[in-house]
Full PDB file with SEQRES, HELIX, SHEET, SSBOND, CRYST1, ORIGX, SCALE, CONECT and MASTER records, all heavy atoms in Angstrom:
SEQRES   1 A   39  PRO THR PRO ASP GLY THR CYS LEU ARG ASP TYR ILE ASP          
SEQRES   2 A   39  VAL VAL ASP LEU ALA ARG ALA HIS VAL ALA ALA VAL ASP          
SEQRES   3 A   39  ARG MET THR GLN GLY ARG MET GLU ALA SER TYR GLU VAL          
HELIX    1 AA1 VAL A   14  THR A   29  1                                  16    
CRYST1    1.000    1.000    1.000  90.00  90.00  90.00 P 1           1          
ORIGX1      1.000000  0.000000  0.000000        0.00000                         
ORIGX2      0.000000  1.000000  0.000000        0.00000                         
ORIGX3      0.000000  0.000000  1.000000        0.00000                         
SCALE1      1.000000  0.000000  0.000000        0.00000                         
SCALE2      0.000000  1.000000  0.000000        0.00000                         
SCALE3      0.000000  0.000000  1.000000        0.00000                         
ATOM      1  N   PRO A   1       0.739  -5.990 -40.121  1.00  0.00           N  
ATOM      2  CA  PRO A   1       0.151  -7.356 -40.228  1.00  0.00           C  
ATOM      3  C   PRO A   1      -0.201  -7.763 -41.631  1.00  0.00           C  
ATOM      4  O   PRO A   1      -1.389  -7.965 -41.968  1.00  0.00           O  
ATOM      5  CB  PRO A   1      -1.047  -7.186 -39.283  1.00  0.00           C  
ATOM      6  CG  PRO A   1      -1.481  -5.726 -39.479  1.00  0.00           C  
ATOM      7  CD  PRO A   1      -0.175  -4.960 -39.558  1.00  0.00           C  
ATOM      8  N   THR A   2       0.884  -7.839 -42.468  1.00  0.00           N  
ATOM      9  CA  THR A   2       0.676  -8.228 -43.868  1.00  0.00           C  
ATOM     10  C   THR A   2       1.633  -9.311 -44.188  1.00  0.00           C  
ATOM     11  O   THR A   2       2.560  -9.584 -43.333  1.00  0.00           O  
ATOM     12  CB  THR A   2       0.911  -6.990 -44.747  1.00  0.00           C  
ATOM     13  OG1 THR A   2       2.280  -6.562 -44.617  1.00  0.00           O  
ATOM     14  CG2 THR A   2      -0.046  -5.874 -44.522  1.00  0.00           C  
ATOM     15  N   PRO A   3       1.593  -9.987 -45.280  1.00  0.00           N  
ATOM     16  CA  PRO A   3       2.457 -11.167 -45.519  1.00  0.00           C  
ATOM     17  C   PRO A   3       3.906 -10.822 -45.451  1.00  0.00           C  
ATOM     18  O   PRO A   3       4.702 -11.687 -44.958  1.00  0.00           O  
ATOM     19  CB  PRO A   3       2.057 -11.632 -46.930  1.00  0.00           C  
ATOM     20  CG  PRO A   3       0.658 -11.272 -47.013  1.00  0.00           C  
ATOM     21  CD  PRO A   3       0.474  -9.930 -46.285  1.00  0.00           C  
ATOM     22  N   ASP A   4       4.392  -9.677 -45.887  1.00  0.00           N  
ATOM     23  CA  ASP A   4       5.849  -9.394 -45.824  1.00  0.00           C  
ATOM     24  C   ASP A   4       6.182  -8.227 -44.860  1.00  0.00           C  
ATOM     25  O   ASP A   4       7.233  -7.730 -44.799  1.00  0.00           O  
ATOM     26  CB  ASP A   4       6.378  -9.147 -47.229  1.00  0.00           C  
ATOM     27  CG  ASP A   4       5.849  -7.920 -47.889  1.00  0.00           C  
ATOM     28  OD1 ASP A   4       5.255  -7.064 -47.237  1.00  0.00           O  
ATOM     29  OD2 ASP A   4       5.998  -7.863 -49.157  1.00  0.00           O  
ATOM     30  N   GLY A   5       5.087  -7.731 -44.123  1.00  0.00           N  
ATOM     31  CA  GLY A   5       5.306  -6.738 -43.181  1.00  0.00           C  
ATOM     32  C   GLY A   5       5.225  -5.297 -43.680  1.00  0.00           C  
ATOM     33  O   GLY A   5       5.234  -4.321 -42.963  1.00  0.00           O  
ATOM     34  N   THR A   6       5.151  -5.144 -45.071  1.00  0.00           N  
ATOM     35  CA  THR A   6       4.941  -3.801 -45.632  1.00  0.00           C  
ATOM     36  C   THR A   6       3.541  -3.599 -46.045  1.00  0.00           C  
ATOM     37  O   THR A   6       2.716  -4.558 -46.219  1.00  0.00           O  
ATOM     38  CB  THR A   6       5.967  -3.556 -46.874  1.00  0.00           C  
ATOM     39  OG1 THR A   6       5.526  -4.480 -47.959  1.00  0.00           O  
ATOM     40  CG2 THR A   6       7.377  -3.871 -46.482  1.00  0.00           C  
ATOM     41  N   CYS A   7       3.149  -2.334 -46.224  1.00  0.00           N  
ATOM     42  CA  CYS A   7       1.801  -1.968 -46.507  1.00  0.00           C  
ATOM     43  C   CYS A   7       1.239  -2.568 -47.789  1.00  0.00           C  
ATOM     44  O   CYS A   7       2.007  -2.698 -48.776  1.00  0.00           O  
ATOM     45  CB  CYS A   7       1.605  -0.418 -46.607  1.00  0.00           C  
ATOM     46  SG  CYS A   7       1.884   0.404 -45.057  1.00  0.00           S  
ATOM     47  N   LEU A   8      -0.008  -2.856 -47.848  1.00  0.00           N  
ATOM     48  CA  LEU A   8      -0.656  -3.443 -49.027  1.00  0.00           C  
ATOM     49  C   LEU A   8      -1.462  -2.279 -49.666  1.00  0.00           C  
ATOM     50  O   LEU A   8      -2.302  -1.656 -48.980  1.00  0.00           O  
ATOM     51  CB  LEU A   8      -1.556  -4.607 -48.693  1.00  0.00           C  
ATOM     52  CG  LEU A   8      -0.931  -5.917 -48.304  1.00  0.00           C  
ATOM     53  CD1 LEU A   8      -1.929  -6.899 -47.819  1.00  0.00           C  
ATOM     54  CD2 LEU A   8      -0.160  -6.501 -49.466  1.00  0.00           C  
ATOM     55  N   ARG A   9      -1.315  -2.118 -50.992  1.00  0.00           N  
ATOM     56  CA  ARG A   9      -2.023  -1.152 -51.715  1.00  0.00           C  
ATOM     57  C   ARG A   9      -2.575  -1.698 -53.082  1.00  0.00           C  
ATOM     58  O   ARG A   9      -2.167  -2.763 -53.481  1.00  0.00           O  
ATOM     59  CB  ARG A   9      -1.084   0.083 -52.008  1.00  0.00           C  
ATOM     60  CG  ARG A   9      -0.670   0.796 -50.741  1.00  0.00           C  
ATOM     61  CD  ARG A   9      -1.856   1.547 -50.113  1.00  0.00           C  
ATOM     62  NE  ARG A   9      -1.415   2.332 -48.947  1.00  0.00           N  
ATOM     63  CZ  ARG A   9      -1.420   1.948 -47.740  1.00  0.00           C  
ATOM     64  NH1 ARG A   9      -1.844   0.692 -47.415  1.00  0.00           N  
ATOM     65  NH2 ARG A   9      -1.038   2.718 -46.771  1.00  0.00           N  
ATOM     66  N   ASP A  10      -3.355  -0.917 -53.711  1.00  0.00           N  
ATOM     67  CA  ASP A  10      -3.999  -1.233 -55.025  1.00  0.00           C  
ATOM     68  C   ASP A  10      -3.477  -0.300 -55.990  1.00  0.00           C  
ATOM     69  O   ASP A  10      -3.769   0.889 -56.075  1.00  0.00           O  
ATOM     70  CB  ASP A  10      -5.529  -1.148 -54.897  1.00  0.00           C  
ATOM     71  CG  ASP A  10      -6.228  -1.730 -56.142  1.00  0.00           C  
ATOM     72  OD1 ASP A  10      -5.672  -1.684 -57.188  1.00  0.00           O  
ATOM     73  OD2 ASP A  10      -7.401  -2.180 -55.959  1.00  0.00           O  
ATOM     74  N   TYR A  11      -2.446  -0.773 -56.816  1.00  0.00           N  
ATOM     75  CA  TYR A  11      -1.763   0.097 -57.788  1.00  0.00           C  
ATOM     76  C   TYR A  11      -2.403  -0.084 -59.111  1.00  0.00           C  
ATOM     77  O   TYR A  11      -2.410  -1.177 -59.703  1.00  0.00           O  
ATOM     78  CB  TYR A  11      -0.242  -0.257 -57.831  1.00  0.00           C  
ATOM     79  CG  TYR A  11       0.445  -0.020 -56.555  1.00  0.00           C  
ATOM     80  CD1 TYR A  11       0.729  -1.079 -55.663  1.00  0.00           C  
ATOM     81  CD2 TYR A  11       0.902   1.275 -56.108  1.00  0.00           C  
ATOM     82  CE1 TYR A  11       1.406  -0.831 -54.404  1.00  0.00           C  
ATOM     83  CE2 TYR A  11       1.505   1.452 -54.933  1.00  0.00           C  
ATOM     84  CZ  TYR A  11       1.750   0.424 -54.120  1.00  0.00           C  
ATOM     85  OH  TYR A  11       2.420   0.642 -52.834  1.00  0.00           O  
ATOM     86  N   ILE A  12      -2.843   1.065 -59.741  1.00  0.00           N  
ATOM     87  CA  ILE A  12      -3.564   0.999 -60.981  1.00  0.00           C  
ATOM     88  C   ILE A  12      -2.820   1.816 -62.032  1.00  0.00           C  
ATOM     89  O   ILE A  12      -2.319   2.940 -61.809  1.00  0.00           O  
ATOM     90  CB  ILE A  12      -4.948   1.522 -60.847  1.00  0.00           C  
ATOM     91  CG1 ILE A  12      -5.680   1.533 -62.196  1.00  0.00           C  
ATOM     92  CG2 ILE A  12      -5.024   2.960 -60.263  1.00  0.00           C  
ATOM     93  CD1 ILE A  12      -7.186   1.804 -62.096  1.00  0.00           C  
ATOM     94  N   ASP A  13      -2.670   1.290 -63.183  1.00  0.00           N  
ATOM     95  CA  ASP A  13      -1.985   2.004 -64.295  1.00  0.00           C  
ATOM     96  C   ASP A  13      -2.782   3.237 -64.649  1.00  0.00           C  
ATOM     97  O   ASP A  13      -3.991   3.259 -64.735  1.00  0.00           O  
ATOM     98  CB  ASP A  13      -1.926   1.043 -65.571  1.00  0.00           C  
ATOM     99  CG  ASP A  13      -1.086   1.686 -66.655  1.00  0.00           C  
ATOM    100  OD1 ASP A  13      -1.611   2.601 -67.297  1.00  0.00           O  
ATOM    101  OD2 ASP A  13      -0.011   1.159 -66.926  1.00  0.00           O  
ATOM    102  N   VAL A  14      -2.070   4.337 -64.847  1.00  0.00           N  
ATOM    103  CA  VAL A  14      -2.686   5.698 -65.055  1.00  0.00           C  
ATOM    104  C   VAL A  14      -3.521   5.666 -66.345  1.00  0.00           C  
ATOM    105  O   VAL A  14      -4.494   6.384 -66.421  1.00  0.00           O  
ATOM    106  CB  VAL A  14      -1.658   6.794 -65.077  1.00  0.00           C  
ATOM    107  CG1 VAL A  14      -0.737   6.688 -66.281  1.00  0.00           C  
ATOM    108  CG2 VAL A  14      -2.296   8.136 -65.006  1.00  0.00           C  
ATOM    109  N   VAL A  15      -3.176   4.905 -67.354  1.00  0.00           N  
ATOM    110  CA  VAL A  15      -3.946   4.825 -68.611  1.00  0.00           C  
ATOM    111  C   VAL A  15      -5.311   4.120 -68.285  1.00  0.00           C  
ATOM    112  O   VAL A  15      -6.349   4.561 -68.789  1.00  0.00           O  
ATOM    113  CB  VAL A  15      -3.236   4.129 -69.719  1.00  0.00           C  
ATOM    114  CG1 VAL A  15      -4.092   4.037 -70.997  1.00  0.00           C  
ATOM    115  CG2 VAL A  15      -1.998   4.950 -70.080  1.00  0.00           C  
ATOM    116  N   ASP A  16      -5.281   3.087 -67.521  1.00  0.00           N  
ATOM    117  CA  ASP A  16      -6.502   2.359 -67.101  1.00  0.00           C  
ATOM    118  C   ASP A  16      -7.404   3.391 -66.330  1.00  0.00           C  
ATOM    119  O   ASP A  16      -8.660   3.440 -66.531  1.00  0.00           O  
ATOM    120  CB  ASP A  16      -6.247   1.196 -66.220  1.00  0.00           C  
ATOM    121  CG  ASP A  16      -5.831  -0.063 -67.017  1.00  0.00           C  
ATOM    122  OD1 ASP A  16      -6.245  -0.186 -68.230  1.00  0.00           O  
ATOM    123  OD2 ASP A  16      -5.228  -0.959 -66.465  1.00  0.00           O  
ATOM    124  N   LEU A  17      -6.824   4.143 -65.462  1.00  0.00           N  
ATOM    125  CA  LEU A  17      -7.519   5.070 -64.646  1.00  0.00           C  
ATOM    126  C   LEU A  17      -8.131   6.138 -65.572  1.00  0.00           C  
ATOM    127  O   LEU A  17      -9.278   6.543 -65.342  1.00  0.00           O  
ATOM    128  CB  LEU A  17      -6.559   5.772 -63.628  1.00  0.00           C  
ATOM    129  CG  LEU A  17      -7.156   6.868 -62.785  1.00  0.00           C  
ATOM    130  CD1 LEU A  17      -8.372   6.378 -61.968  1.00  0.00           C  
ATOM    131  CD2 LEU A  17      -6.128   7.439 -61.838  1.00  0.00           C  
ATOM    132  N   ALA A  18      -7.366   6.603 -66.512  1.00  0.00           N  
ATOM    133  CA  ALA A  18      -7.883   7.573 -67.493  1.00  0.00           C  
ATOM    134  C   ALA A  18      -9.131   7.041 -68.242  1.00  0.00           C  
ATOM    135  O   ALA A  18     -10.065   7.714 -68.436  1.00  0.00           O  
ATOM    136  CB  ALA A  18      -6.849   8.025 -68.432  1.00  0.00           C  
ATOM    137  N   ARG A  19      -9.053   5.784 -68.575  1.00  0.00           N  
ATOM    138  CA  ARG A  19     -10.210   5.154 -69.344  1.00  0.00           C  
ATOM    139  C   ARG A  19     -11.443   5.151 -68.448  1.00  0.00           C  
ATOM    140  O   ARG A  19     -12.534   5.221 -68.984  1.00  0.00           O  
ATOM    141  CB  ARG A  19      -9.794   3.753 -69.770  1.00  0.00           C  
ATOM    142  CG  ARG A  19      -8.822   3.693 -70.951  1.00  0.00           C  
ATOM    143  CD  ARG A  19      -8.727   2.213 -71.497  1.00  0.00           C  
ATOM    144  NE  ARG A  19      -8.426   1.243 -70.527  1.00  0.00           N  
ATOM    145  CZ  ARG A  19      -9.320   0.431 -69.912  1.00  0.00           C  
ATOM    146  NH1 ARG A  19     -10.610   0.450 -70.307  1.00  0.00           N  
ATOM    147  NH2 ARG A  19      -8.957  -0.448 -69.028  1.00  0.00           N  
ATOM    148  N   ALA A  20     -11.283   4.964 -67.154  1.00  0.00           N  
ATOM    149  CA  ALA A  20     -12.391   4.967 -66.227  1.00  0.00           C  
ATOM    150  C   ALA A  20     -13.134   6.309 -66.278  1.00  0.00           C  
ATOM    151  O   ALA A  20     -14.353   6.385 -66.162  1.00  0.00           O  
ATOM    152  CB  ALA A  20     -11.971   4.659 -64.787  1.00  0.00           C  
ATOM    153  N   HIS A  21     -12.460   7.410 -66.497  1.00  0.00           N  
ATOM    154  CA  HIS A  21     -13.040   8.732 -66.559  1.00  0.00           C  
ATOM    155  C   HIS A  21     -13.861   8.826 -67.844  1.00  0.00           C  
ATOM    156  O   HIS A  21     -14.912   9.423 -67.805  1.00  0.00           O  
ATOM    157  CB  HIS A  21     -12.027   9.837 -66.462  1.00  0.00           C  
ATOM    158  CG  HIS A  21     -11.388   9.943 -65.094  1.00  0.00           C  
ATOM    159  ND1 HIS A  21     -10.395   9.130 -64.682  1.00  0.00           N  
ATOM    160  CD2 HIS A  21     -11.642  10.850 -64.106  1.00  0.00           C  
ATOM    161  CE1 HIS A  21     -10.017   9.485 -63.451  1.00  0.00           C  
ATOM    162  NE2 HIS A  21     -10.787  10.494 -63.050  1.00  0.00           N  
ATOM    163  N   VAL A  22     -13.331   8.309 -68.920  1.00  0.00           N  
ATOM    164  CA  VAL A  22     -14.103   8.287 -70.171  1.00  0.00           C  
ATOM    165  C   VAL A  22     -15.339   7.446 -69.959  1.00  0.00           C  
ATOM    166  O   VAL A  22     -16.448   7.846 -70.454  1.00  0.00           O  
ATOM    167  CB  VAL A  22     -13.222   7.689 -71.331  1.00  0.00           C  
ATOM    168  CG1 VAL A  22     -13.981   7.641 -72.632  1.00  0.00           C  
ATOM    169  CG2 VAL A  22     -11.909   8.510 -71.500  1.00  0.00           C  
ATOM    170  N   ALA A  23     -15.230   6.346 -69.338  1.00  0.00           N  
ATOM    171  CA  ALA A  23     -16.407   5.480 -69.128  1.00  0.00           C  
ATOM    172  C   ALA A  23     -17.453   6.234 -68.285  1.00  0.00           C  
ATOM    173  O   ALA A  23     -18.715   6.075 -68.510  1.00  0.00           O  
ATOM    174  CB  ALA A  23     -16.054   4.201 -68.381  1.00  0.00           C  
ATOM    175  N   ALA A  24     -17.047   7.024 -67.231  1.00  0.00           N  
ATOM    176  CA  ALA A  24     -17.969   7.817 -66.442  1.00  0.00           C  
ATOM    177  C   ALA A  24     -18.693   8.845 -67.281  1.00  0.00           C  
ATOM    178  O   ALA A  24     -19.867   9.069 -67.195  1.00  0.00           O  
ATOM    179  CB  ALA A  24     -17.250   8.437 -65.288  1.00  0.00           C  
ATOM    180  N   VAL A  25     -17.945   9.559 -68.216  1.00  0.00           N  
ATOM    181  CA  VAL A  25     -18.554  10.565 -69.059  1.00  0.00           C  
ATOM    182  C   VAL A  25     -19.516   9.843 -70.027  1.00  0.00           C  
ATOM    183  O   VAL A  25     -20.624  10.319 -70.278  1.00  0.00           O  
ATOM    184  CB  VAL A  25     -17.456  11.319 -69.829  1.00  0.00           C  
ATOM    185  CG1 VAL A  25     -18.100  12.289 -70.891  1.00  0.00           C  
ATOM    186  CG2 VAL A  25     -16.654  12.155 -68.900  1.00  0.00           C  
ATOM    187  N   ASP A  26     -19.132   8.734 -70.558  1.00  0.00           N  
ATOM    188  CA  ASP A  26     -20.045   7.955 -71.414  1.00  0.00           C  
ATOM    189  C   ASP A  26     -21.342   7.611 -70.682  1.00  0.00           C  
ATOM    190  O   ASP A  26     -22.443   7.788 -71.257  1.00  0.00           O  
ATOM    191  CB  ASP A  26     -19.386   6.671 -71.860  1.00  0.00           C  
ATOM    192  CG  ASP A  26     -18.326   6.771 -73.010  1.00  0.00           C  
ATOM    193  OD1 ASP A  26     -18.307   7.884 -73.574  1.00  0.00           O  
ATOM    194  OD2 ASP A  26     -17.604   5.833 -73.172  1.00  0.00           O  
ATOM    195  N   ARG A  27     -21.229   7.165 -69.470  1.00  0.00           N  
ATOM    196  CA  ARG A  27     -22.440   6.801 -68.672  1.00  0.00           C  
ATOM    197  C   ARG A  27     -23.330   7.952 -68.492  1.00  0.00           C  
ATOM    198  O   ARG A  27     -24.587   7.826 -68.619  1.00  0.00           O  
ATOM    199  CB  ARG A  27     -21.955   6.261 -67.293  1.00  0.00           C  
ATOM    200  CG  ARG A  27     -23.213   5.808 -66.454  1.00  0.00           C  
ATOM    201  CD  ARG A  27     -22.654   5.046 -65.224  1.00  0.00           C  
ATOM    202  NE  ARG A  27     -23.729   4.695 -64.254  1.00  0.00           N  
ATOM    203  CZ  ARG A  27     -24.456   3.620 -64.379  1.00  0.00           C  
ATOM    204  NH1 ARG A  27     -24.421   2.850 -65.409  1.00  0.00           N  
ATOM    205  NH2 ARG A  27     -25.387   3.382 -63.423  1.00  0.00           N  
ATOM    206  N   MET A  28     -22.794   9.165 -68.334  1.00  0.00           N  
ATOM    207  CA  MET A  28     -23.638  10.395 -68.165  1.00  0.00           C  
ATOM    208  C   MET A  28     -24.262  10.784 -69.484  1.00  0.00           C  
ATOM    209  O   MET A  28     -25.475  10.966 -69.559  1.00  0.00           O  
ATOM    210  CB  MET A  28     -22.731  11.533 -67.647  1.00  0.00           C  
ATOM    211  CG  MET A  28     -22.302  11.277 -66.222  1.00  0.00           C  
ATOM    212  SD  MET A  28     -21.183  12.704 -65.727  1.00  0.00           S  
ATOM    213  CE  MET A  28     -21.456  12.756 -64.000  1.00  0.00           C  
ATOM    214  N   THR A  29     -23.490  10.932 -70.503  1.00  0.00           N  
ATOM    215  CA  THR A  29     -23.982  11.457 -71.735  1.00  0.00           C  
ATOM    216  C   THR A  29     -24.896  10.487 -72.510  1.00  0.00           C  
ATOM    217  O   THR A  29     -25.701  10.910 -73.296  1.00  0.00           O  
ATOM    218  CB  THR A  29     -22.791  11.814 -72.731  1.00  0.00           C  
ATOM    219  OG1 THR A  29     -21.964  10.662 -72.925  1.00  0.00           O  
ATOM    220  CG2 THR A  29     -21.917  12.896 -72.108  1.00  0.00           C  
ATOM    221  N   GLN A  30     -24.798   9.191 -72.198  1.00  0.00           N  
ATOM    222  CA  GLN A  30     -25.670   8.220 -72.777  1.00  0.00           C  
ATOM    223  C   GLN A  30     -26.906   7.991 -71.961  1.00  0.00           C  
ATOM    224  O   GLN A  30     -27.701   7.098 -72.342  1.00  0.00           O  
ATOM    225  CB  GLN A  30     -24.861   6.891 -72.982  1.00  0.00           C  
ATOM    226  CG  GLN A  30     -23.766   7.032 -74.063  1.00  0.00           C  
ATOM    227  CD  GLN A  30     -22.859   5.847 -74.031  1.00  0.00           C  
ATOM    228  OE1 GLN A  30     -23.066   4.799 -73.377  1.00  0.00           O  
ATOM    229  NE2 GLN A  30     -21.666   5.882 -74.701  1.00  0.00           N  
ATOM    230  N   GLY A  31     -27.126   8.672 -70.843  1.00  0.00           N  
ATOM    231  CA  GLY A  31     -28.342   8.600 -70.056  1.00  0.00           C  
ATOM    232  C   GLY A  31     -28.415   7.223 -69.289  1.00  0.00           C  
ATOM    233  O   GLY A  31     -29.531   6.790 -69.122  1.00  0.00           O  
ATOM    234  N   ARG A  32     -27.339   6.693 -68.912  1.00  0.00           N  
ATOM    235  CA  ARG A  32     -27.382   5.376 -68.272  1.00  0.00           C  
ATOM    236  C   ARG A  32     -27.267   5.433 -66.765  1.00  0.00           C  
ATOM    237  O   ARG A  32     -27.281   4.401 -66.102  1.00  0.00           O  
ATOM    238  CB  ARG A  32     -26.284   4.464 -68.801  1.00  0.00           C  
ATOM    239  CG  ARG A  32     -26.422   4.134 -70.308  1.00  0.00           C  
ATOM    240  CD  ARG A  32     -25.374   3.062 -70.746  1.00  0.00           C  
ATOM    241  NE  ARG A  32     -24.067   3.573 -70.847  1.00  0.00           N  
ATOM    242  CZ  ARG A  32     -23.041   3.272 -70.092  1.00  0.00           C  
ATOM    243  NH1 ARG A  32     -23.162   2.449 -69.094  1.00  0.00           N  
ATOM    244  NH2 ARG A  32     -21.833   3.803 -70.251  1.00  0.00           N  
ATOM    245  N   MET A  33     -27.243   6.607 -66.207  1.00  0.00           N  
ATOM    246  CA  MET A  33     -27.123   6.712 -64.725  1.00  0.00           C  
ATOM    247  C   MET A  33     -28.438   6.304 -64.056  1.00  0.00           C  
ATOM    248  O   MET A  33     -29.550   6.522 -64.572  1.00  0.00           O  
ATOM    249  CB  MET A  33     -26.802   8.205 -64.294  1.00  0.00           C  
ATOM    250  CG  MET A  33     -25.393   8.624 -64.684  1.00  0.00           C  
ATOM    251  SD  MET A  33     -24.983  10.313 -64.134  1.00  0.00           S  
ATOM    252  CE  MET A  33     -24.898  10.044 -62.328  1.00  0.00           C  
ATOM    253  N   GLU A  34     -28.239   5.583 -62.923  1.00  0.00           N  
ATOM    254  CA  GLU A  34     -29.382   5.100 -62.152  1.00  0.00           C  
ATOM    255  C   GLU A  34     -29.843   6.102 -61.077  1.00  0.00           C  
ATOM    256  O   GLU A  34     -30.884   5.925 -60.483  1.00  0.00           O  
ATOM    257  CB  GLU A  34     -29.083   3.704 -61.525  1.00  0.00           C  
ATOM    258  CG  GLU A  34     -28.759   2.659 -62.622  1.00  0.00           C  
ATOM    259  CD  GLU A  34     -28.230   1.347 -61.994  1.00  0.00           C  
ATOM    260  OE1 GLU A  34     -28.218   1.286 -60.780  1.00  0.00           O  
ATOM    261  OE2 GLU A  34     -27.926   0.496 -62.775  1.00  0.00           O  
ATOM    262  N   ALA A  35     -29.017   7.091 -60.870  1.00  0.00           N  
ATOM    263  CA  ALA A  35     -29.327   8.194 -59.883  1.00  0.00           C  
ATOM    264  C   ALA A  35     -28.621   9.410 -60.338  1.00  0.00           C  
ATOM    265  O   ALA A  35     -27.702   9.324 -61.130  1.00  0.00           O  
ATOM    266  CB  ALA A  35     -28.898   7.762 -58.424  1.00  0.00           C  
ATOM    267  N   SER A  36     -28.961  10.588 -59.749  1.00  0.00           N  
ATOM    268  CA  SER A  36     -28.304  11.801 -60.149  1.00  0.00           C  
ATOM    269  C   SER A  36     -26.822  11.854 -59.685  1.00  0.00           C  
ATOM    270  O   SER A  36     -26.046  12.631 -60.219  1.00  0.00           O  
ATOM    271  CB  SER A  36     -29.054  12.966 -59.697  1.00  0.00           C  
ATOM    272  OG  SER A  36     -29.067  13.079 -58.299  1.00  0.00           O  
ATOM    273  N   TYR A  37     -26.537  11.080 -58.668  1.00  0.00           N  
ATOM    274  CA  TYR A  37     -25.108  11.125 -58.084  1.00  0.00           C  
ATOM    275  C   TYR A  37     -24.728   9.632 -57.803  1.00  0.00           C  
ATOM    276  O   TYR A  37     -25.514   8.868 -57.220  1.00  0.00           O  
ATOM    277  CB  TYR A  37     -25.109  11.893 -56.791  1.00  0.00           C  
ATOM    278  CG  TYR A  37     -23.771  11.758 -56.090  1.00  0.00           C  
ATOM    279  CD1 TYR A  37     -22.638  12.395 -56.593  1.00  0.00           C  
ATOM    280  CD2 TYR A  37     -23.693  11.056 -54.856  1.00  0.00           C  
ATOM    281  CE1 TYR A  37     -21.395  12.329 -55.872  1.00  0.00           C  
ATOM    282  CE2 TYR A  37     -22.466  10.973 -54.159  1.00  0.00           C  
ATOM    283  CZ  TYR A  37     -21.315  11.515 -54.681  1.00  0.00           C  
ATOM    284  OH  TYR A  37     -20.144  11.443 -54.059  1.00  0.00           O  
ATOM    285  N   GLU A  38     -23.600   9.247 -58.351  1.00  0.00           N  
ATOM    286  CA  GLU A  38     -23.095   7.856 -58.179  1.00  0.00           C  
ATOM    287  C   GLU A  38     -21.595   7.918 -57.825  1.00  0.00           C  
ATOM    288  O   GLU A  38     -20.886   8.901 -58.041  1.00  0.00           O  
ATOM    289  CB  GLU A  38     -23.258   7.115 -59.539  1.00  0.00           C  
ATOM    290  CG  GLU A  38     -24.704   6.962 -59.922  1.00  0.00           C  
ATOM    291  CD  GLU A  38     -24.826   6.223 -61.327  1.00  0.00           C  
ATOM    292  OE1 GLU A  38     -23.902   6.245 -62.059  1.00  0.00           O  
ATOM    293  OE2 GLU A  38     -25.890   5.581 -61.531  1.00  0.00           O  
ATOM    294  N   VAL A  39     -21.181   6.792 -57.168  1.00  0.00           N  
ATOM    295  CA  VAL A  39     -19.789   6.656 -56.716  1.00  0.00           C  
ATOM    296  C   VAL A  39     -19.280   5.341 -57.197  1.00  0.00           C  
ATOM    297  O   VAL A  39     -19.979   4.332 -57.166  1.00  0.00           O  
ATOM    298  CB  VAL A  39     -19.724   6.727 -55.165  1.00  0.00           C  
ATOM    299  CG1 VAL A  39     -18.380   6.386 -54.648  1.00  0.00           C  
ATOM    300  CG2 VAL A  39     -20.121   8.105 -54.653  1.00  0.00           C  
TER     301      VAL A  39                                                      
MASTER        0    0    0    1    0    0    0    6  300    1    0    3          
END                                                                             
C-alpha cells in the first residue's frame, strides 16, 4: 500500500551517518547530555 507498490525506506548516505556518530561523541564529551542514556 505505497504509491508505486514497492516498499518505502529511508536511505541515508554512509558519510552522513558517520557524522552522526561524531556528533554523538561530541555531545557526550562536551557534557551536553540531558540524561545518562539517550536515543
